[in-house]
N, C-alpha and C. Protein backbone atom coordinates (compact mmCIF):
# COMPACT_ATOMS: atom_id res chain seq x y z
N MET A 1 0.87 -1.11 0.09
CA MET A 1 0.02 -0.04 0.01
C MET A 1 0.95 1.16 0.09
N GLU A 2 0.45 2.15 -0.71
CA GLU A 2 1.25 3.55 -0.74
C GLU A 2 0.26 4.41 -0.21
N LEU A 3 1.00 5.45 0.51
CA LEU A 3 0.24 6.58 1.25
C LEU A 3 0.91 7.81 0.82
N GLY A 4 0.08 8.75 0.29
CA GLY A 4 0.51 10.03 -0.09
C GLY A 4 0.11 11.07 0.77
N TYR A 5 0.72 11.96 1.04
CA TYR A 5 0.24 13.01 1.97
C TYR A 5 0.82 14.62 1.57
N SER A 6 0.12 15.34 1.94
CA SER A 6 0.48 16.84 1.70
C SER A 6 1.00 17.44 3.07
N PHE A 7 1.11 19.01 2.95
CA PHE A 7 1.30 19.59 4.06
C PHE A 7 0.06 20.11 4.80
N CYS A 8 -1.12 19.51 4.38
CA CYS A 8 -2.26 19.76 5.08
C CYS A 8 -2.21 19.21 6.57
N PRO A 9 -2.65 19.90 7.53
CA PRO A 9 -2.43 19.52 8.96
C PRO A 9 -3.23 18.13 9.20
N ASN A 10 -4.39 17.72 8.54
CA ASN A 10 -4.88 16.47 8.65
C ASN A 10 -3.82 15.41 8.13
N ASP A 11 -3.25 15.54 6.93
CA ASP A 11 -2.24 14.53 6.33
C ASP A 11 -1.11 14.34 7.37
N THR A 12 -0.48 15.37 7.69
CA THR A 12 0.62 15.33 8.54
C THR A 12 0.34 14.75 9.95
N PHE A 13 -0.85 14.88 10.57
CA PHE A 13 -1.40 14.36 11.76
C PHE A 13 -1.32 12.77 11.43
N ILE A 14 -2.09 12.33 10.36
CA ILE A 14 -2.08 10.97 10.14
C ILE A 14 -0.88 10.30 9.90
N PHE A 15 0.05 10.91 9.07
CA PHE A 15 1.41 10.33 8.74
C PHE A 15 2.37 10.28 10.03
N TYR A 16 2.10 11.30 10.86
CA TYR A 16 2.88 11.23 12.12
C TYR A 16 2.49 9.93 13.17
N ALA A 17 1.01 9.80 13.17
CA ALA A 17 0.61 8.71 14.00
C ALA A 17 1.06 7.38 13.45
N LEU A 18 0.92 7.20 12.07
CA LEU A 18 1.52 5.82 11.64
C LEU A 18 2.95 5.59 11.66
N SER A 19 3.65 6.69 11.39
CA SER A 19 5.13 6.48 11.44
C SER A 19 5.89 6.42 12.76
N HIS A 20 5.11 6.92 13.75
CA HIS A 20 5.70 6.86 15.25
C HIS A 20 5.00 5.73 16.10
N GLY A 21 4.16 4.86 15.42
CA GLY A 21 3.57 3.74 16.04
C GLY A 21 2.52 4.12 16.92
N LYS A 22 1.85 5.15 16.72
CA LYS A 22 0.79 5.69 17.55
C LYS A 22 -0.57 5.01 17.53
N VAL A 23 -0.76 4.47 16.32
CA VAL A 23 -1.87 3.59 15.76
C VAL A 23 -1.37 2.37 15.27
N LYS A 24 -2.08 1.23 15.34
CA LYS A 24 -1.83 -0.03 14.72
C LYS A 24 -2.05 0.01 13.34
N ALA A 25 -1.16 -0.50 12.43
CA ALA A 25 -1.36 -0.64 10.91
C ALA A 25 -1.12 -2.07 10.62
N PRO A 26 -1.99 -2.39 9.70
CA PRO A 26 -2.02 -3.85 9.16
C PRO A 26 -0.75 -4.27 8.47
N VAL A 27 0.20 -3.24 8.21
CA VAL A 27 1.49 -3.54 7.45
C VAL A 27 2.55 -2.71 8.06
N GLU A 28 3.78 -2.91 8.02
CA GLU A 28 4.81 -2.09 8.38
C GLU A 28 4.81 -0.76 7.69
N VAL A 29 4.94 0.14 8.53
CA VAL A 29 5.12 1.61 7.89
C VAL A 29 6.65 2.10 7.94
N LYS A 30 7.08 2.45 6.76
CA LYS A 30 8.54 2.88 6.80
C LYS A 30 8.74 4.24 6.55
């Protein structure tokens, strides 16, 4: 799965949570 994001606050909030292990993801996030 690929995840794209922009500098929109909602996108950066989601990316931070995934990349720092704050939420469970079904796959590894690099």
